Structure formats: structure tokens, C-alpha cells
Protein backbone atom coordinates (compact mmCIF):
# COMPACT_ATOMS: atom_id res chain seq x y z
CA MET A 1 30.83 303.56 -188.64
CA ALA A 2 29.73 302.86 -192.05
CA ARG A 3 26.38 300.55 -192.40
CA ILE A 4 26.64 297.57 -194.28
CA PRO A 5 24.40 297.40 -196.99
CA GLY A 6 21.67 294.86 -196.33
CA SER A 7 22.31 294.38 -192.78
CA SER A 8 18.77 295.47 -191.97
CA PHE A 9 17.31 292.55 -193.69
CA TYR A 10 19.34 290.12 -191.55
CA GLU A 11 18.49 291.88 -188.42
CA LYS A 12 14.68 291.86 -189.08
CA LEU A 13 15.11 288.12 -190.04
CA SER A 14 16.86 287.50 -186.88
CA ARG A 15 14.37 289.17 -184.78
CA ARG A 16 11.32 287.25 -186.39
CA LEU A 17 13.21 283.97 -185.54
CA VAL A 18 13.89 284.91 -181.95
CA ARG A 19 9.91 285.84 -181.74
CA ARG A 20 8.90 282.32 -183.06
CA ARG A 21 11.13 280.45 -180.84
CA PRO A 22 9.15 278.73 -178.15
CA PRO A 23 9.97 279.76 -174.60
CA GLU A 24 12.31 277.73 -172.76
CA THR A 25 11.18 276.14 -169.53
CA GLU A 26 13.36 275.33 -166.60
CA ASP A 27 12.69 271.50 -166.72
CA THR A 28 16.10 270.26 -166.17
CA GLY A 29 15.48 269.34 -162.52
CA SER A 30 12.09 267.43 -163.29
CA GLU A 31 13.96 265.55 -166.22
CA ALA A 32 16.78 264.77 -163.83
CA GLU A 33 14.50 263.25 -161.38
CA ALA A 34 12.46 261.53 -164.21
CA LEU A 35 15.87 259.96 -164.99
CA VAL A 36 16.85 258.96 -161.50
CA GLU A 37 13.41 257.40 -160.62
CA PRO A 38 13.61 254.47 -162.91
CA ASP A 39 16.95 253.72 -161.44
CA GLY A 40 15.45 253.66 -158.00
CA ALA A 41 12.48 251.59 -158.95
CA ALA A 42 14.97 249.20 -160.57
CA ASP A 43 16.84 248.94 -157.46
CA ALA A 44 13.96 248.41 -155.47
CA ALA A 45 12.72 245.46 -157.95
CA SER A 46 16.07 243.89 -157.72
CA SER A 47 15.97 244.15 -153.97
CA ALA A 48 12.41 242.59 -153.89
CA THR A 49 13.50 239.86 -156.27
CA ALA A 50 16.68 238.97 -154.17
CA ALA A 51 14.64 238.73 -151.30
CA GLY A 52 12.05 236.62 -152.67
CA GLU A 53 14.92 234.37 -153.99
CA HIS A 54 16.41 234.13 -150.68
CA GLY A 55 13.15 233.61 -148.89
CA SER A 56 12.39 230.61 -151.36
CA ARG A 57 15.70 228.96 -150.98
CA SER A 58 15.69 229.25 -147.03
CA PRO A 59 15.93 225.77 -144.98
CA ILE A 60 12.54 226.58 -143.21
CA TYR A 61 11.03 227.28 -146.48
CA LEU A 62 12.19 224.23 -148.37
CA ALA A 63 11.54 221.97 -145.01
CA ALA A 64 7.81 223.24 -144.97
CA LEU A 65 7.29 222.78 -148.93
CA LEU A 66 8.89 219.12 -148.42
CA GLY A 67 6.58 218.49 -145.54
CA GLY A 68 3.40 219.59 -147.42
CA PHE A 69 4.31 217.37 -150.10
CA ALA A 70 4.86 214.26 -148.03
CA LEU A 71 1.53 215.00 -146.08
CA ILE A 72 -0.50 215.20 -149.74
CA GLY A 73 1.35 211.66 -150.61
CA ALA A 74 0.54 210.28 -147.26
CA ALA A 75 -3.15 211.37 -147.87
CA LEU A 76 -3.47 210.04 -151.48
CA LEU A 77 -1.73 206.52 -150.04
CA ALA A 78 -4.24 206.34 -147.18
CA THR A 79 -7.40 207.04 -149.49
CA GLY A 80 -6.04 204.56 -152.09
CA PHE A 81 -5.64 201.82 -149.56
CA ALA A 82 -8.70 202.43 -147.74
CA GLY A 83 -10.61 202.13 -151.31
CA THR A 84 -8.96 198.73 -151.92
CA GLU A 85 -8.67 197.33 -148.75
CA ASP A 86 -12.15 195.54 -148.79
CA ALA A 87 -11.28 194.02 -152.40
CA ILE A 88 -8.01 192.75 -151.23
CA GLU A 89 -9.61 190.93 -148.54
CA GLN A 90 -12.33 189.57 -150.42
CA ARG A 91 -9.53 188.21 -153.03
CA HIS A 92 -7.56 186.60 -150.23
CA LYS A 93 -10.65 184.88 -148.94
CA GLU A 94 -11.47 183.59 -152.51
CA ASP A 95 -7.76 182.18 -152.82
CA LEU A 96 -8.14 180.42 -149.44
CA GLN A 97 -11.53 179.10 -150.34
CA ALA A 98 -10.11 177.79 -153.77
CA SER A 99 -6.97 176.16 -151.78
CA LEU A 100 -9.21 174.52 -149.13
CA SER A 101 -11.61 172.94 -151.92
CA MET A 102 -8.55 171.35 -153.28
CA VAL A 103 -7.92 169.48 -149.81
CA MET A 104 -11.63 169.27 -148.51
CA PRO A 105 -14.16 168.57 -151.32
CA GLU A 106 -17.41 170.31 -151.25
CA ASP A 107 -19.18 167.14 -150.82
CA LEU A 108 -17.90 166.98 -147.28
CA HIS A 109 -19.52 170.16 -145.86
CA ASP A 110 -22.57 172.37 -146.19
CA ASN A 111 -20.69 175.44 -144.41
CA ASP A 112 -18.08 177.94 -145.30
CA PRO A 113 -14.85 176.64 -143.46
CA VAL A 114 -13.27 180.27 -143.85
CA VAL A 115 -16.17 181.81 -142.09
CA ASP A 116 -16.36 179.19 -139.37
CA ALA A 117 -12.37 178.89 -138.74
CA TRP A 118 -11.14 179.07 -135.17
CA LYS A 119 -7.86 179.50 -133.60
CA PHE A 120 -6.79 176.24 -131.85
CA SER A 121 -4.26 176.76 -129.10
CA ALA A 122 -2.44 173.87 -127.79
CA THR A 123 0.87 173.51 -125.89
CA GLY A 124 4.28 174.77 -127.11
CA ASP A 125 3.92 176.19 -130.78
CA ASN A 126 0.91 173.93 -132.12
CA SER A 127 -1.42 176.93 -132.03
CA ARG A 128 -2.91 177.38 -135.47
CA MET A 129 -5.91 178.37 -137.36
CA ILE A 130 -8.50 175.19 -137.99
CA TYR A 131 -10.89 175.50 -140.88
CA PRO A 132 -13.72 173.02 -140.38
CA ALA A 133 -15.87 170.85 -142.94
CA ILE A 134 -19.21 170.70 -141.23
CA ARG A 135 -22.01 168.61 -142.51
CA ASP A 136 -25.29 168.27 -140.40
CA GLY A 137 -23.81 170.08 -137.41
CA GLU A 138 -20.96 167.22 -137.16
CA VAL A 139 -17.17 167.87 -138.33
CA THR A 140 -16.36 165.59 -141.16
CA ALA A 141 -12.77 166.96 -141.88
CA ILE A 142 -10.58 169.76 -140.91
CA ALA A 143 -7.71 171.71 -142.72
CA TYR A 144 -4.76 173.64 -141.35
CA ARG A 145 -1.33 174.75 -142.47
CA VAL A 146 2.07 173.42 -141.57
CA THR A 147 5.48 174.50 -142.66
CA GLY A 148 8.37 172.72 -143.84
CA GLN A 149 12.38 173.71 -144.20
CA GLY A 150 13.29 173.36 -147.83
CA TYR A 151 16.42 174.03 -149.63
CA GLY A 152 15.27 177.73 -150.57
CA GLY A 153 13.64 178.46 -147.20
CA ALA A 154 10.29 177.96 -145.70
CA ILE A 155 7.44 175.77 -147.56
CA LEU A 156 3.98 176.51 -146.66
CA ILE A 157 1.59 173.69 -146.81
CA LEU A 158 -2.14 173.19 -146.38
CA MET A 159 -3.35 169.67 -145.33
CA GLY A 160 -6.98 168.32 -145.18
CA VAL A 161 -7.63 165.44 -142.73
CA SER A 162 -10.72 163.33 -142.45
CA ALA A 163 -12.42 163.04 -138.89
CA ASN A 164 -10.93 159.40 -138.82
CA GLY A 165 -7.29 160.64 -139.11
CA GLU A 166 -6.97 160.17 -143.07
CA LEU A 167 -5.36 162.55 -145.48
CA ILE A 168 -7.82 163.94 -147.96
CA GLY A 169 -5.41 166.20 -149.86
CA VAL A 170 -2.23 168.14 -149.42
CA ARG A 171 -1.07 171.23 -151.26
CA VAL A 172 1.77 173.62 -151.38
CA LEU A 173 0.66 177.17 -151.02
CA GLN A 174 4.20 178.91 -151.11
CA HIS A 175 7.66 178.27 -151.63
CA ALA A 176 11.03 179.29 -152.65
CA GLU A 177 12.61 176.17 -154.09
CA THR A 178 14.61 175.80 -157.41
CA PRO A 179 12.61 176.13 -160.38
CA GLY A 180 12.74 173.01 -162.45
CA LEU A 181 13.90 170.77 -159.42
CA GLY A 182 12.36 171.55 -156.13
CA ASP A 183 9.16 173.16 -157.64
CA LYS A 184 7.91 169.69 -158.52
CA ILE A 185 5.90 169.77 -155.27
CA GLU A 186 3.52 172.06 -156.82
CA ALA A 187 0.43 170.28 -158.05
CA GLU A 188 0.57 172.15 -161.50
CA LYS A 189 4.15 170.81 -162.17
CA SER A 190 4.06 167.23 -160.78
CA ALA A 191 1.63 164.66 -159.31
CA TRP A 192 4.10 163.95 -156.63
CA ILE A 193 1.98 165.74 -154.15
CA GLU A 194 -0.98 163.39 -154.91
CA ASN A 195 0.78 160.45 -153.34
CA PHE A 196 -0.43 161.74 -149.65
CA SER A 197 -4.03 161.34 -150.36
CA GLY A 198 -5.68 158.33 -148.57
CA LEU A 199 -2.59 158.11 -146.15
CA SER A 200 -2.90 157.82 -142.43
CA PHE A 201 -0.93 156.53 -139.46
CA GLY A 202 -3.38 153.54 -139.63
CA ASN A 203 -2.22 152.49 -143.01
CA THR A 204 1.21 153.72 -143.23
CA SER A 205 4.19 152.93 -140.79
CA GLN A 206 6.10 155.59 -139.21
CA ASP A 207 9.19 154.41 -141.04
CA ASP A 208 7.21 154.85 -144.47
CA TRP A 209 6.97 158.71 -143.91
CA ARG A 210 10.40 159.23 -145.52
CA VAL A 211 11.68 159.48 -149.02
CA LYS A 212 12.97 156.38 -150.50
CA LYS A 213 16.71 157.60 -150.54
CA ASP A 214 16.14 157.38 -146.48
CA GLY A 215 14.23 154.18 -146.52
CA GLY A 216 10.86 155.53 -146.89
CA ARG A 217 7.93 155.15 -149.60
CA PHE A 218 7.94 158.70 -151.29
CA ASP A 219 9.99 159.34 -154.41
CA GLN A 220 12.57 161.97 -154.21
CA PHE A 221 13.44 164.43 -156.89
CA SER A 222 16.55 164.10 -159.22
CA GLY A 223 19.01 166.58 -157.96
CA ALA A 224 16.47 167.81 -155.17
CA THR A 225 16.32 165.52 -152.41
CA ILE A 226 16.11 168.26 -149.61
CA THR A 227 12.68 169.46 -151.05
CA PRO A 228 10.50 166.44 -151.03
CA ARG A 229 12.25 165.23 -147.63
CA ALA A 230 11.04 168.54 -145.86
CA VAL A 231 7.51 168.42 -147.33
CA VAL A 232 7.02 164.79 -146.10
CA LYS A 233 8.39 165.59 -142.77
CA ALA A 234 6.03 168.29 -142.42
CA VAL A 235 3.10 166.27 -143.40
CA ARG A 236 4.09 163.66 -141.01
CA GLU A 237 4.18 166.28 -138.27
CA GLY A 238 0.77 167.53 -139.26
CA LEU A 239 -0.56 164.21 -138.71
CA GLU A 240 1.02 163.87 -135.36
CA PHE A 241 -0.61 167.22 -134.38
CA PHE A 242 -4.10 165.76 -135.38
CA ALA A 243 -3.45 162.47 -133.61
CA SER A 244 -2.56 164.25 -130.46
CA TYR A 245 -5.56 166.74 -130.52
CA ARG A 246 -7.94 164.74 -132.56
CA ASP A 247 -10.99 165.03 -129.97
CA ALA A 248 -10.69 168.41 -129.58
CA LEU A 249 -10.04 169.27 -133.31
CA THR A 250 -13.00 167.29 -134.32
CA THR A 251 -15.52 168.97 -131.77
CA LEU A 252 -16.84 172.29 -132.65
CA PRO A 253 -16.07 175.35 -130.29
CA LYS A 254 -19.19 176.53 -128.65
CA LYS A 255 -19.49 179.57 -130.99
CA THR A 256 -19.36 177.58 -134.12
CA SER A 257 -21.68 174.85 -132.92
CA GLU A 258 -24.36 177.57 -132.38
CA ALA A 259 -23.93 178.92 -135.72
CA ASN A 260 -24.40 175.55 -137.17
CA PRO A 261 -26.83 173.57 -135.36
């Protein structure tokens, strides 16, 4: 066969290229495995994430989480209440002392009526707290609460009575009467409540312990008769309570008399 001119040159060049080509390695399997491993790892990660999500949404987990928050909240509330309980009690005492000073002036006593208060137990529903005004070991007056039933509900009243049965002062502590009408029973809104001062069963007949509309001496309010009627009735019943137990109410209990010789 005839030799193609210049072919030897191309053969030599091909041989050189073949020699310089780096040897091939059989890494196909490794590469395949490398390609497979990320897929497996992703599946495992997905499975773990799914399991975590499933666990976090399980009823038991949610119940435990809610219970934990509830316990923390309860602990915080208890701590806050414990920290303010003494302050609240002190504020209540100060408010009561201020109210008592309006129905029992300080010149009637040298004691603290709140500290020396005692519970008087009588027959029926006549049991109530008694706040005594004591001077030189003798009861000069007492204060106690009575309740009337007004148009808007219960009316809580504090009344001070001297040892001879005369009203020193009366104040409404709490009520739910109509603003602008029934709220005139408050000392801040009207002087009506001052009409009780100085009255007693000795200087005011039983028939006078009514509003004028019912034949008594006390004014009623325009558009609100139920409210003053309830207050007058409650104060009258308060005086009846004092008259029924006067000796017991003006005699110091043993504990109080020992504390105030």
C-alpha cells in the first residue's frame, strides 16, 4: 500500500498526545456514592425535621407547655400579691380610720378604734364589728356599720353613737344609687346626711324617723324618694340596735379593757 506523505508526522503527534493524557481512574463508583450520599442525608434531615414538627405539635407536648406557662403565671401573681398585701391592708386601715374620724371626732378618744375593735354577737343577725372611742378607760362612743336597701342595691352606712345614745355622725361608705339623684346621700354631694347629727330616740319621736313624704322630718330628693327612705330606715334600726344592747356595747370587753387601763 502506498504511504501517505506526511502521515508519520501526524502519528508522532498522536503518540505524544496520548502519552501526555493523564491516566484515567475508575472513580465512577465513588462519584456515584458521593452523589447518593447527599440524597440520603437530605432524607434523614427531612425525616428528623418531620419528627420534630410532629413531636412539637403533639397534644401531650402542647398540654405540658401550657401547664408550664400557667405555673409561671401563678407564681408571678402569688409573688406580686404577697408583695402588696401589707400595703393594701394598711391602705384599708387608713381609709377606715378616716371614715371613723367623721363620725367619732378625735377629741372623744385617746385610743385607736380600729385596733380596739371587737365583734359583738347578739341574737339573730345583729352581730357586727364595734369600733369604740375610749377615753381614760371609759367608752365615750362607738361606731358600727348598718345597711339599707336602696334603689340601686345595698347602701353601706357608718354611724357613730355617743354613750348616751345620741348620733354623733352618719356617713355613707358605699352605694350604687343613681348619679345626680340618689347620690345626694354622700356628704361630698349634699349636706343632707348631716341632718342626723345630734338626734336620738330621746329627742326625736319614732314617727319622725321617716321622710316627709311618709309623714316624717327628713327631706326626700326630687325624683329619688327610695334612697333617702332607705338611709333613714337603716339609721333608725341602727339606733334600735344600740338601745337594745346599750350596756353591753358601752362596756369594754375584758381584752380591750386590759389593753386600755
